[in-house]
Amino acid sequence: MQPIPFDSRSTADDVVARLDLKGRTILVTGCNSGIGFETIRALSTRGAHIIGLARSLQAAREACGRLGPSASATAVACDLADLACVVAAANTVRTLGRPLDAIVCNAGVMCPPSLEVRYGVELQFLVNHIGHFLLVNHLLDRVPDRTGRIVIVSSSASTEFAPKEGIMFDNLDGSRFYKPFTFYGQSKLANALFASELSRRLAPRQIAVNSLHPGAVGGTGLQRTLRFPFTLIMPIARLFMKSIAQGAATQTLLAVSPLVAGVTGKYWSACRVSRGSTFLDQPVIAERLWRTSEEIVAAHTHAAI
């Protein structure tokens, strides 16, 4: 891997400053706000065609429209909490006939104060992991061998808040207990484990798959579900957080930079390979998560993984 001149202070614009992305197509979920929008904005300035996915078609269209009249973008509705909608979104993307040079799984929800269960699993696990698991697997044949990239946004919560057993396979529905931060950490660990296992499975195709911690980023919509006392401290905490432009840097780097070509199966932070959860060194749990995810998808959709 080449030396990387970027760090925690770098922005998405810094990462793409000297790149020509004309001819590349990059799909980004959660494109309508926060680091998702900043990612598509930075990529589009360098000529990439953006496929922007958001929970509603209106939100996706508004985000793509904000890129400006010279931008090339396609808006697609993709509610990651609705598996039928995820399949429909994937089918829509497939009809475009474009190779997907990169898929950036950026969308997510954080810490709903009360338990929400859909398809037999807790909402954060569904949106942050299962929805992306289904979407990516449904689009893998559109990702080119050797040059394709898949970027999955995890979080330091995967190490700080995940349960001691990593994934609570016997409590995915929260029926035993529900703690918002524990289940958020579990979903973010699932993101990193998915990236690790997908990297292994795609090794013969030489498709790069990496996960990342974007950093604590102020001004995004991710914290909108937080309740007291976190709402009290957030205005002060934001003073020490990354800007949205800085938060988008690592995923932008992994999606397009030639500096990380061929690097796969890593967990990143601040534009550097970082130390993630110790569970990432245990392929057995990643394989079990994959099987469990397949079972959830199979039970509620007709999509084949």
C-alpha atoms as a PDB file:
ATOM      1  CA  MET A   1       0.000   0.000   0.000  1.00  0.00           C
ATOM      2  CA  GLN A   2       1.265   3.444  -0.900  1.00  0.00           C
ATOM      3  CA  PRO A   3       1.867   6.130   1.752  1.00  0.00           C
ATOM      4  CA  ILE A   4      -1.353   8.019   2.463  1.00  0.00           C
ATOM      5  CA  PRO A   5      -0.963  11.781   2.965  1.00  0.00           C
ATOM      6  CA  PHE A   6      -4.361  12.152   4.645  1.00  0.00           C
ATOM      7  CA  ASP A   7      -5.361  12.039   8.296  1.00  0.00           C
ATOM      8  CA  SER A   8      -8.171  12.937  10.693  1.00  0.00           C
ATOM      9  CA  ARG A   9      -8.124  16.565   9.557  1.00  0.00           C
ATOM     10  CA  SER A  10      -8.426  15.753   5.857  1.00  0.00           C
ATOM     11  CA  THR A  11     -11.689  16.308   4.021  1.00  0.00           C
ATOM     12  CA  ALA A  12     -13.430  14.447   1.233  1.00  0.00           C
ATOM     13  CA  ASP A  13     -12.384  17.226  -1.134  1.00  0.00           C
ATOM     14  CA  ASP A  14      -8.751  16.732  -0.110  1.00  0.00           C
ATOM     15  CA  VAL A  15      -8.993  13.038  -0.946  1.00  0.00           C
ATOM     16  CA  VAL A  16     -10.378  13.565  -4.464  1.00  0.00           C
ATOM     17  CA  ALA A  17      -8.564  16.806  -5.298  1.00  0.00           C
ATOM     18  CA  ARG A  18      -6.373  15.413  -8.074  1.00  0.00           C
ATOM     19  CA  LEU A  19      -8.604  12.620  -9.314  1.00  0.00           C
ATOM     20  CA  ASP A  20     -10.506  12.313 -12.570  1.00  0.00           C
ATOM     21  CA  LEU A  21     -13.569  10.194 -11.862  1.00  0.00           C
ATOM     22  CA  LYS A  22     -15.288  10.605 -15.216  1.00  0.00           C
ATOM     23  CA  GLY A  23     -16.699   7.281 -16.352  1.00  0.00           C
ATOM     24  CA  ARG A  24     -17.037   5.870 -12.836  1.00  0.00           C
ATOM     25  CA  THR A  25     -20.361   5.066 -11.219  1.00  0.00           C
ATOM     26  CA  ILE A  26     -20.597   5.109  -7.454  1.00  0.00           C
ATOM     27  CA  LEU A  27     -23.623   4.108  -5.380  1.00  0.00           C
ATOM     28  CA  VAL A  28     -24.071   5.694  -1.955  1.00  0.00           C
ATOM     29  CA  THR A  29     -26.821   4.900   0.546  1.00  0.00           C
ATOM     30  CA  GLY A  30     -28.037   7.632   2.861  1.00  0.00           C
ATOM     31  CA  CYS A  31     -27.100  10.182   0.209  1.00  0.00           C
ATOM     32  CA  ASN A  32     -29.437  12.914   1.402  1.00  0.00           C
ATOM     33  CA  SER A  33     -27.707  14.163   4.548  1.00  0.00           C
ATOM     34  CA  GLY A  34     -24.553  14.276   6.630  1.00  0.00           C
ATOM     35  CA  ILE A  35     -21.472  12.455   5.426  1.00  0.00           C
ATOM     36  CA  GLY A  36     -23.521  10.638   2.808  1.00  0.00           C
ATOM     37  CA  PHE A  37     -24.357  13.851   0.989  1.00  0.00           C
ATOM     38  CA  GLU A  38     -20.833  15.171   1.468  1.00  0.00           C
ATOM     39  CA  THR A  39     -19.488  11.982  -0.102  1.00  0.00           C
ATOM     40  CA  ILE A  40     -21.644  12.235  -3.231  1.00  0.00           C
ATOM     41  CA  ARG A  41     -20.931  15.967  -3.487  1.00  0.00           C
ATOM     42  CA  ALA A  42     -17.150  15.463  -3.407  1.00  0.00           C
ATOM     43  CA  LEU A  43     -17.273  12.540  -5.844  1.00  0.00           C
ATOM     44  CA  SER A  44     -19.551  14.365  -8.281  1.00  0.00           C
ATOM     45  CA  THR A  45     -17.221  17.386  -8.427  1.00  0.00           C
ATOM     46  CA  ARG A  46     -14.601  15.095  -9.956  1.00  0.00           C
ATOM     47  CA  GLY A  47     -16.957  13.723 -12.598  1.00  0.00           C
ATOM     48  CA  ALA A  48     -18.337  10.523 -11.071  1.00  0.00           C
ATOM     49  CA  HIS A  49     -21.872   9.464 -11.873  1.00  0.00           C
ATOM     50  CA  ILE A  50     -23.713   9.140  -8.571  1.00  0.00           C
ATOM     51  CA  ILE A  51     -26.465   6.668  -7.797  1.00  0.00           C
ATOM     52  CA  GLY A  52     -27.920   8.235  -4.688  1.00  0.00           C
ATOM     53  CA  LEU A  53     -30.109   6.107  -2.449  1.00  0.00           C
ATOM     54  CA  ALA A  54     -32.280   7.577   0.287  1.00  0.00           C
ATOM     55  CA  ARG A  55     -35.269   6.393   2.264  1.00  0.00           C
ATOM     56  CA  SER A  56     -37.696   8.154  -0.084  1.00  0.00           C
ATOM     57  CA  LEU A  57     -37.454   9.018  -3.763  1.00  0.00           C
ATOM     58  CA  GLN A  58     -38.140  12.662  -2.936  1.00  0.00           C
ATOM     59  CA  ALA A  59     -35.211  12.802  -0.518  1.00  0.00           C
ATOM     60  CA  ALA A  60     -32.922  11.117  -3.052  1.00  0.00           C
ATOM     61  CA  ARG A  61     -34.015  13.478  -5.807  1.00  0.00           C
ATOM     62  CA  GLU A  62     -33.504  16.539  -3.653  1.00  0.00           C
ATOM     63  CA  ALA A  63     -30.007  15.393  -2.718  1.00  0.00           C
ATOM     64  CA  CYS A  64     -29.058  14.679  -6.324  1.00  0.00           C
ATOM     65  CA  GLY A  65     -30.531  18.034  -7.340  1.00  0.00           C
ATOM     66  CA  ARG A  66     -28.324  19.825  -4.807  1.00  0.00           C
ATOM     67  CA  LEU A  67     -25.253  18.553  -6.656  1.00  0.00           C
ATOM     68  CA  GLY A  68     -25.837  21.166  -9.328  1.00  0.00           C
ATOM     69  CA  PRO A  69     -26.858  21.263 -12.981  1.00  0.00           C
ATOM     70  CA  SER A  70     -23.601  19.823 -14.292  1.00  0.00           C
ATOM     71  CA  ALA A  71     -23.647  16.782 -12.011  1.00  0.00           C
ATOM     72  CA  SER A  72     -24.535  13.339 -13.307  1.00  0.00           C
ATOM     73  CA  ALA A  73     -26.745  11.522 -10.806  1.00  0.00           C
ATOM     74  CA  THR A  74     -29.578   9.037 -10.513  1.00  0.00           C
ATOM     75  CA  ALA A  75     -31.931   9.081  -7.527  1.00  0.00           C
ATOM     76  CA  VAL A  76     -33.309   5.815  -6.159  1.00  0.00           C
ATOM     77  CA  ALA A  77     -35.648   5.159  -3.226  1.00  0.00           C
ATOM     78  CA  CYS A  78     -34.295   2.617  -0.745  1.00  0.00           C
ATOM     79  CA  ASP A  79     -35.855   2.269   2.691  1.00  0.00           C
ATOM     80  CA  LEU A  80     -33.444  -0.109   4.389  1.00  0.00           C
ATOM     81  CA  ALA A  81     -36.093  -0.971   6.989  1.00  0.00           C
ATOM     82  CA  ASP A  82     -38.316  -2.390   4.230  1.00  0.00           C
ATOM     83  CA  LEU A  83     -36.728  -5.447   2.627  1.00  0.00           C
ATOM     84  CA  ALA A  84     -39.118  -5.396  -0.335  1.00  0.00           C
ATOM     85  CA  CYS A  85     -38.059  -1.795  -0.961  1.00  0.00           C
ATOM     86  CA  VAL A  86     -34.396  -2.832  -0.800  1.00  0.00           C
ATOM     87  CA  VAL A  87     -34.976  -5.503  -3.445  1.00  0.00           C
ATOM     88  CA  ALA A  88     -36.884  -3.016  -5.597  1.00  0.00           C
ATOM     89  CA  ALA A  89     -34.054  -0.495  -5.263  1.00  0.00           C
ATOM     90  CA  ALA A  90     -31.494  -3.094  -6.299  1.00  0.00           C
ATOM     91  CA  ASN A  91     -33.620  -4.024  -9.300  1.00  0.00           C
ATOM     92  CA  THR A  92     -33.895  -0.358 -10.268  1.00  0.00           C
ATOM     93  CA  VAL A  93     -30.128   0.018 -10.085  1.00  0.00           C
ATOM     94  CA  ARG A  94     -29.675  -3.086 -12.200  1.00  0.00           C
ATOM     95  CA  THR A  95     -31.930  -1.708 -14.942  1.00  0.00           C
ATOM     96  CA  LEU A  96     -29.565   1.257 -15.321  1.00  0.00           C
ATOM     97  CA  GLY A  97     -27.076  -1.137 -16.906  1.00  0.00           C
ATOM     98  CA  ARG A  98     -24.089   0.564 -15.311  1.00  0.00           C
ATOM     99  CA  PRO A  99     -21.160  -1.200 -13.685  1.00  0.00           C
ATOM    100  CA  LEU A 100     -20.871  -0.172 -10.043  1.00  0.00           C
ATOM    101  CA  ASP A 101     -17.282   0.888  -9.526  1.00  0.00           C
ATOM    102  CA  ALA A 102     -17.970   1.390  -5.839  1.00  0.00           C
ATOM    103  CA  ILE A 103     -20.804   0.792  -3.392  1.00  0.00           C
ATOM    104  CA  VAL A 104     -20.708   2.890  -0.224  1.00  0.00           C
ATOM    105  CA  CYS A 105     -22.990   1.568   2.523  1.00  0.00           C
ATOM    106  CA  ASN A 106     -23.331   4.772   4.488  1.00  0.00           C
ATOM    107  CA  ALA A 107     -26.932   4.989   5.737  1.00  0.00           C
ATOM    108  CA  GLY A 108     -27.828   4.125   9.290  1.00  0.00           C
ATOM    109  CA  VAL A 109     -29.924   4.737  12.357  1.00  0.00           C
ATOM    110  CA  MET A 110     -28.631   5.305  15.862  1.00  0.00           C
ATOM    111  CA  CYS A 111     -30.130   4.495  19.232  1.00  0.00           C
ATOM    112  CA  PRO A 112     -33.924   4.606  18.944  1.00  0.00           C
ATOM    113  CA  PRO A 113     -35.018   5.152  22.562  1.00  0.00           C
ATOM    114  CA  SER A 114     -37.524   2.301  22.529  1.00  0.00           C
ATOM    115  CA  LEU A 115     -37.381  -1.156  20.992  1.00  0.00           C
ATOM    116  CA  GLU A 116     -38.636  -1.465  17.418  1.00  0.00           C
ATOM    117  CA  VAL A 117     -38.811  -4.901  15.813  1.00  0.00           C
ATOM    118  CA  ARG A 118     -39.359  -5.699  12.142  1.00  0.00           C
ATOM    119  CA  TYR A 119     -38.823  -9.011  10.352  1.00  0.00           C
ATOM    120  CA  GLY A 120     -38.070 -10.500  13.746  1.00  0.00           C
ATOM    121  CA  VAL A 121     -34.996  -8.336  14.421  1.00  0.00           C
ATOM    122  CA  GLU A 122     -34.313  -5.056  16.176  1.00  0.00           C
ATOM    123  CA  LEU A 123     -34.453  -1.966  13.958  1.00  0.00           C
ATOM    124  CA  GLN A 124     -30.774  -0.935  14.105  1.00  0.00           C
ATOM    125  CA  PHE A 125     -29.613  -4.428  13.185  1.00  0.00           C
ATOM    126  CA  LEU A 126     -32.147  -4.419  10.340  1.00  0.00           C
ATOM    127  CA  VAL A 127     -31.303  -1.019   8.861  1.00  0.00           C
ATOM    128  CA  ASN A 128     -27.586  -0.846   9.524  1.00  0.00           C
ATOM    129  CA  HIS A 129     -26.747  -4.444   8.646  1.00  0.00           C
ATOM    130  CA  ILE A 130     -29.489  -6.611   7.112  1.00  0.00           C
ATOM    131  CA  GLY A 131     -30.699  -3.982   4.635  1.00  0.00           C
ATOM    132  CA  HIS A 132     -27.167  -3.388   3.383  1.00  0.00           C
ATOM    133  CA  PHE A 133     -26.397  -7.121   3.369  1.00  0.00           C
ATOM    134  CA  LEU A 134     -29.369  -7.677   1.061  1.00  0.00           C
ATOM    135  CA  LEU A 135     -28.639  -4.675  -1.160  1.00  0.00           C
ATOM    136  CA  VAL A 136     -24.956  -5.453  -1.678  1.00  0.00           C
ATOM    137  CA  ASN A 137     -25.482  -9.147  -2.354  1.00  0.00           C
ATOM    138  CA  HIS A 138     -28.196  -8.322  -4.863  1.00  0.00           C
ATOM    139  CA  LEU A 139     -25.768  -6.067  -6.754  1.00  0.00           C
ATOM    140  CA  LEU A 140     -22.502  -7.994  -6.588  1.00  0.00           C
ATOM    141  CA  ASP A 141     -22.616  -9.043 -10.224  1.00  0.00           C
ATOM    142  CA  ARG A 142     -22.655  -5.352 -11.191  1.00  0.00           C
ATOM    143  CA  VAL A 143     -19.339  -4.728  -9.389  1.00  0.00           C
ATOM    144  CA  PRO A 144     -16.363  -5.233 -11.736  1.00  0.00           C
ATOM    145  CA  ASP A 145     -13.685  -7.773 -10.924  1.00  0.00           C
ATOM    146  CA  ARG A 146     -10.230  -6.488  -9.908  1.00  0.00           C
ATOM    147  CA  THR A 147     -11.216  -2.811  -9.692  1.00  0.00           C
ATOM    148  CA  GLY A 148     -14.559  -2.834  -7.853  1.00  0.00           C
ATOM    149  CA  ARG A 149     -14.827  -1.579  -4.288  1.00  0.00           C
ATOM    150  CA  ILE A 150     -17.342  -1.991  -1.486  1.00  0.00           C
ATOM    151  CA  VAL A 151     -17.154   0.357   1.491  1.00  0.00           C
ATOM    152  CA  ILE A 152     -19.161  -0.323   4.634  1.00  0.00           C
ATOM    153  CA  VAL A 153     -19.483   2.364   7.280  1.00  0.00           C
ATOM    154  CA  SER A 154     -19.049   0.899  10.746  1.00  0.00           C
ATOM    155  CA  SER A 155     -18.175   2.837  13.906  1.00  0.00           C
ATOM    156  CA  SER A 156     -15.981   2.780  16.981  1.00  0.00           C
ATOM    157  CA  ALA A 157     -19.227   1.746  18.691  1.00  0.00           C
ATOM    158  CA  SER A 158     -18.407  -1.717  17.316  1.00  0.00           C
ATOM    159  CA  THR A 159     -15.677  -1.910  19.954  1.00  0.00           C
ATOM    160  CA  GLU A 160     -16.991   0.436  22.636  1.00  0.00           C
ATOM    161  CA  PHE A 161     -20.642  -0.586  22.936  1.00  0.00           C
ATOM    162  CA  ALA A 162     -21.119  -3.998  21.301  1.00  0.00           C
ATOM    163  CA  PRO A 163     -22.144  -6.792  23.686  1.00  0.00           C
ATOM    164  CA  LYS A 164     -19.424  -8.919  25.232  1.00  0.00           C
ATOM    165  CA  GLU A 165     -20.340 -11.858  22.990  1.00  0.00           C
ATOM    166  CA  GLY A 166     -20.175  -9.671  19.898  1.00  0.00           C
ATOM    167  CA  ILE A 167     -23.462 -10.572  18.237  1.00  0.00           C
ATOM    168  CA  MET A 168     -26.375 -11.641  20.440  1.00  0.00           C
ATOM    169  CA  PHE A 169     -27.674 -14.336  18.141  1.00  0.00           C
ATOM    170  CA  ASP A 170     -30.212 -15.335  20.805  1.00  0.00           C
ATOM    171  CA  ASN A 171     -31.484 -11.763  21.249  1.00  0.00           C
ATOM    172  CA  LEU A 172     -31.592 -10.173  17.799  1.00  0.00           C
ATOM    173  CA  ASP A 173     -35.201  -9.187  18.446  1.00  0.00           C
ATOM    174  CA  GLY A 174     -34.433  -7.569  21.799  1.00  0.00           C
ATOM    175  CA  SER A 175     -36.866  -9.844  23.601  1.00  0.00           C
ATOM    176  CA  ARG A 176     -34.431 -10.515  26.465  1.00  0.00           C
ATOM    177  CA  PHE A 177     -33.500  -6.857  26.906  1.00  0.00           C
ATOM    178  CA  TYR A 178     -33.018  -3.690  24.888  1.00  0.00           C
ATOM    179  CA  LYS A 179     -30.355  -1.057  25.467  1.00  0.00           C
ATOM    180  CA  PRO A 180     -30.062   1.449  22.591  1.00  0.00           C
ATOM    181  CA  PHE A 181     -26.268   1.827  22.634  1.00  0.00           C
ATOM    182  CA  THR A 182     -25.634  -1.899  23.028  1.00  0.00           C
ATOM    183  CA  PHE A 183     -27.780  -2.674  20.009  1.00  0.00           C
ATOM    184  CA  TYR A 184     -26.200   0.189  18.049  1.00  0.00           C
ATOM    185  CA  GLY A 185     -22.750  -1.221  18.829  1.00  0.00           C
ATOM    186  CA  GLN A 186     -23.930  -4.678  17.786  1.00  0.00           C
ATOM    187  CA  SER A 187     -25.188  -3.376  14.439  1.00  0.00           C
ATOM    188  CA  LYS A 188     -21.921  -1.556  13.789  1.00  0.00           C
ATOM    189  CA  LEU A 189     -19.924  -4.670  14.667  1.00  0.00           C
ATOM    190  CA  ALA A 190     -22.146  -6.546  12.218  1.00  0.00           C
ATOM    191  CA  ASN A 191     -21.132  -4.006   9.555  1.00  0.00           C
ATOM    192  CA  ALA A 192     -17.434  -4.660  10.159  1.00  0.00           C
ATOM    193  CA  LEU A 193     -17.915  -8.431  10.295  1.00  0.00           C
ATOM    194  CA  PHE A 194     -19.908  -8.339   7.056  1.00  0.00           C
ATOM    195  CA  ALA A 195     -17.078  -6.451   5.362  1.00  0.00           C
ATOM    196  CA  SER A 196     -14.517  -8.938   6.642  1.00  0.00           C
ATOM    197  CA  GLU A 197     -16.474 -11.984   5.477  1.00  0.00           C
ATOM    198  CA  LEU A 198     -17.437 -10.394   2.150  1.00  0.00           C
ATOM    199  CA  SER A 199     -13.785  -9.557   1.509  1.00  0.00           C
ATOM    200  CA  ARG A 200     -12.901 -13.202   2.034  1.00  0.00           C
ATOM    201  CA  ARG A 201     -15.675 -14.439  -0.257  1.00  0.00           C
ATOM    202  CA  LEU A 202     -14.809 -11.954  -3.010  1.00  0.00           C
ATOM    203  CA  ALA A 203     -11.063 -12.607  -2.912  1.00  0.00           C
ATOM    204  CA  PRO A 204     -11.166 -14.668  -6.141  1.00  0.00           C
ATOM    205  CA  ARG A 205     -12.728 -11.660  -7.912  1.00  0.00           C
ATOM    206  CA  GLN A 206     -10.209  -9.230  -6.362  1.00  0.00           C
ATOM    207  CA  ILE A 207     -12.944  -6.849  -5.268  1.00  0.00           C
ATOM    208  CA  ALA A 208     -11.815  -4.686  -2.351  1.00  0.00           C
ATOM    209  CA  VAL A 209     -14.097  -4.620   0.677  1.00  0.00           C
ATOM    210  CA  ASN A 210     -13.316  -2.462   3.697  1.00  0.00           C
ATOM    211  CA  SER A 211     -15.119  -1.069   6.730  1.00  0.00           C
ATOM    212  CA  LEU A 212     -14.448   2.147   8.599  1.00  0.00           C
ATOM    213  CA  HIS A 213     -15.093   4.411  11.540  1.00  0.00           C
ATOM    214  CA  PRO A 214     -15.850   7.882  10.138  1.00  0.00           C
ATOM    215  CA  GLY A 215     -15.097   9.553  13.466  1.00  0.00           C
ATOM    216  CA  ALA A 216     -17.397  11.433  15.793  1.00  0.00           C
ATOM    217  CA  VAL A 217     -19.033  13.856  13.388  1.00  0.00           C
ATOM    218  CA  GLY A 218     -21.111  16.860  14.370  1.00  0.00           C
ATOM    219  CA  GLY A 219     -24.057  18.219  12.423  1.00  0.00           C
ATOM    220  CA  THR A 220     -25.388  14.956  10.995  1.00  0.00           C
ATOM    221  CA  GLY A 221     -28.873  13.548  11.436  1.00  0.00           C
ATOM    222  CA  LEU A 222     -27.576  10.352  13.012  1.00  0.00           C
ATOM    223  CA  GLN A 223     -27.987  11.671  16.565  1.00  0.00           C
ATOM    224  CA  ARG A 224     -31.585  12.791  16.030  1.00  0.00           C
ATOM    225  CA  THR A 225     -32.999   9.920  18.112  1.00  0.00           C
ATOM    226  CA  LEU A 226     -30.801  10.586  21.146  1.00  0.00           C
ATOM    227  CA  ARG A 227     -32.599  11.494  24.353  1.00  0.00           C
ATOM    228  CA  PHE A 228     -31.671  13.112  27.656  1.00  0.00           C
ATOM    229  CA  PRO A 229     -28.966  13.322  28.986  1.00  0.00           C
ATOM    230  CA  PHE A 230     -27.190  13.060  25.623  1.00  0.00           C
ATOM    231  CA  THR A 231     -29.185  15.950  24.182  1.00  0.00           C
ATOM    232  CA  LEU A 232     -27.808  18.081  27.000  1.00  0.00           C
ATOM    233  CA  ILE A 233     -24.159  17.396  26.254  1.00  0.00           C
ATOM    234  CA  MET A 234     -24.286  17.238  22.436  1.00  0.00           C
ATOM    235  CA  PRO A 235     -23.899  21.037  21.865  1.00  0.00           C
ATOM    236  CA  ILE A 236     -20.650  20.929  23.834  1.00  0.00           C
ATOM    237  CA  ALA A 237     -19.503  17.609  22.362  1.00  0.00           C
ATOM    238  CA  ARG A 238     -19.885  18.977  18.822  1.00  0.00           C
ATOM    239  CA  LEU A 239     -17.117  21.466  19.542  1.00  0.00           C
ATOM    240  CA  PHE A 240     -14.696  18.531  19.630  1.00  0.00           C
ATOM    241  CA  MET A 241     -16.150  16.538  16.745  1.00  0.00           C
ATOM    242  CA  LYS A 242     -15.061  16.290  13.135  1.00  0.00           C
ATOM    243  CA  SER A 243     -16.771  18.404  10.528  1.00  0.00           C
ATOM    244  CA  ILE A 244     -19.016  16.631   8.048  1.00  0.00           C
ATOM    245  CA  ALA A 245     -16.368  17.200   5.361  1.00  0.00           C
ATOM    246  CA  GLN A 246     -13.752  15.477   7.540  1.00  0.00           C
ATOM    247  CA  GLY A 247     -16.138  12.680   8.463  1.00  0.00           C
ATOM    248  CA  ALA A 248     -16.643  11.813   4.804  1.00  0.00           C
ATOM    249  CA  ALA A 249     -12.932  11.597   4.010  1.00  0.00           C
ATOM    250  CA  THR A 250     -12.210   7.963   4.888  1.00  0.00           C
ATOM    251  CA  GLN A 251     -15.132   6.452   2.997  1.00  0.00           C
ATOM    252  CA  THR A 252     -14.353   8.653   0.000  1.00  0.00           C
ATOM    253  CA  LEU A 253     -10.725   7.502   0.110  1.00  0.00           C
ATOM    254  CA  LEU A 254     -11.759   3.852   0.180  1.00  0.00           C
ATOM    255  CA  ALA A 255     -14.260   4.308  -2.638  1.00  0.00           C
ATOM    256  CA  VAL A 256     -11.990   5.921  -5.229  1.00  0.00           C
ATOM    257  CA  SER A 257      -8.404   6.645  -4.238  1.00  0.00           C
ATOM    258  CA  PRO A 258      -5.651   4.826  -6.176  1.00  0.00           C
ATOM    259  CA  LEU A 259      -3.592   4.966  -2.964  1.00  0.00           C
ATOM    260  CA  VAL A 260      -5.626   2.092  -1.492  1.00  0.00           C
ATOM    261  CA  ALA A 261      -6.044   0.010  -4.655  1.00  0.00           C
ATOM    262  CA  GLY A 262      -6.028  -3.686  -3.831  1.00  0.00           C
ATOM    263  CA  VAL A 263      -6.343  -3.179  -0.076  1.00  0.00           C
ATOM    264  CA  THR A 264      -9.169  -5.322   1.296  1.00  0.00           C
ATOM    265  CA  GLY A 265     -10.542  -6.786   4.514  1.00  0.00           C
ATOM    266  CA  LYS A 266      -9.335  -3.915   6.676  1.00  0.00           C
ATOM    267  CA  TYR A 267     -10.964  -1.670   9.271  1.00  0.00           C
ATOM    268  CA  TRP A 268     -10.100   2.017   8.816  1.00  0.00           C
ATOM    269  CA  SER A 269     -10.216   5.233  10.794  1.00  0.00           C
ATOM    270  CA  ALA A 270      -8.877   8.715   9.988  1.00  0.00           C
ATOM    271  CA  CYS A 271      -7.750   7.532   6.536  1.00  0.00           C
ATOM    272  CA  ARG A 272      -5.553   4.843   8.082  1.00  0.00           C
ATOM    273  CA  VAL A 273      -5.839   1.126   8.696  1.00  0.00           C
ATOM    274  CA  SER A 274      -6.887   0.866  12.311  1.00  0.00           C
ATOM    275  CA  ARG A 275      -7.454  -1.708  15.027  1.00  0.00           C
ATOM    276  CA  GLY A 276     -11.095  -2.736  15.077  1.00  0.00           C
ATOM    277  CA  SER A 277     -12.954  -5.196  17.258  1.00  0.00           C
ATOM    278  CA  THR A 278     -11.137  -8.340  18.351  1.00  0.00           C
ATOM    279  CA  PHE A 279     -14.075 -10.239  16.844  1.00  0.00           C
ATOM    280  CA  LEU A 280     -12.712  -9.310  13.405  1.00  0.00           C
ATOM    281  CA  ASP A 281      -9.942 -11.830  14.107  1.00  0.00           C
ATOM    282  CA  GLN A 282     -12.519 -14.582  14.626  1.00  0.00           C
ATOM    283  CA  PRO A 283     -13.900 -15.720  11.246  1.00  0.00           C
ATOM    284  CA  VAL A 284     -16.300 -18.149  12.917  1.00  0.00           C
ATOM    285  CA  ILE A 285     -18.518 -15.335  14.175  1.00  0.00           C
ATOM    286  CA  ALA A 286     -18.426 -13.605  10.767  1.00  0.00           C
ATOM    287  CA  GLU A 287     -19.468 -16.838   9.075  1.00  0.00           C
ATOM    288  CA  ARG A 288     -22.292 -17.356  11.577  1.00  0.00           C
ATOM    289  CA  LEU A 289     -23.484 -13.788  11.044  1.00  0.00           C
ATOM    290  CA  TRP A 290     -23.527 -14.403   7.288  1.00  0.00           C
ATOM    291  CA  ARG A 291     -25.620 -17.557   7.674  1.00  0.00           C
ATOM    292  CA  THR A 292     -28.008 -15.850  10.076  1.00  0.00           C
ATOM    293  CA  SER A 293     -28.369 -12.890   7.725  1.00  0.00           C
ATOM    294  CA  GLU A 294     -29.116 -15.247   4.835  1.00  0.00           C
ATOM    295  CA  GLU A 295     -31.800 -16.934   6.909  1.00  0.00           C
ATOM    296  CA  ILE A 296     -33.457 -13.622   7.809  1.00  0.00           C
ATOM    297  CA  VAL A 297     -33.451 -12.502   4.183  1.00  0.00           C
ATOM    298  CA  ALA A 298     -34.747 -15.851   2.941  1.00  0.00           C
ATOM    299  CA  ALA A 299     -37.581 -15.856   5.475  1.00  0.00           C
ATOM    300  CA  HIS A 300     -38.906 -12.481   4.357  1.00  0.00           C
ATOM    301  CA  THR A 301     -38.001 -12.050   0.684  1.00  0.00           C
ATOM    302  CA  HIS A 302     -37.688 -14.074  -2.487  1.00  0.00           C
ATOM    303  CA  ALA A 303     -34.204 -12.725  -3.077  1.00  0.00           C
ATOM    304  CA  ALA A 304     -31.471 -15.324  -3.435  1.00  0.00           C
ATOM    305  CA  ILE A 305     -28.140 -14.602  -1.746  1.00  0.00           C
END
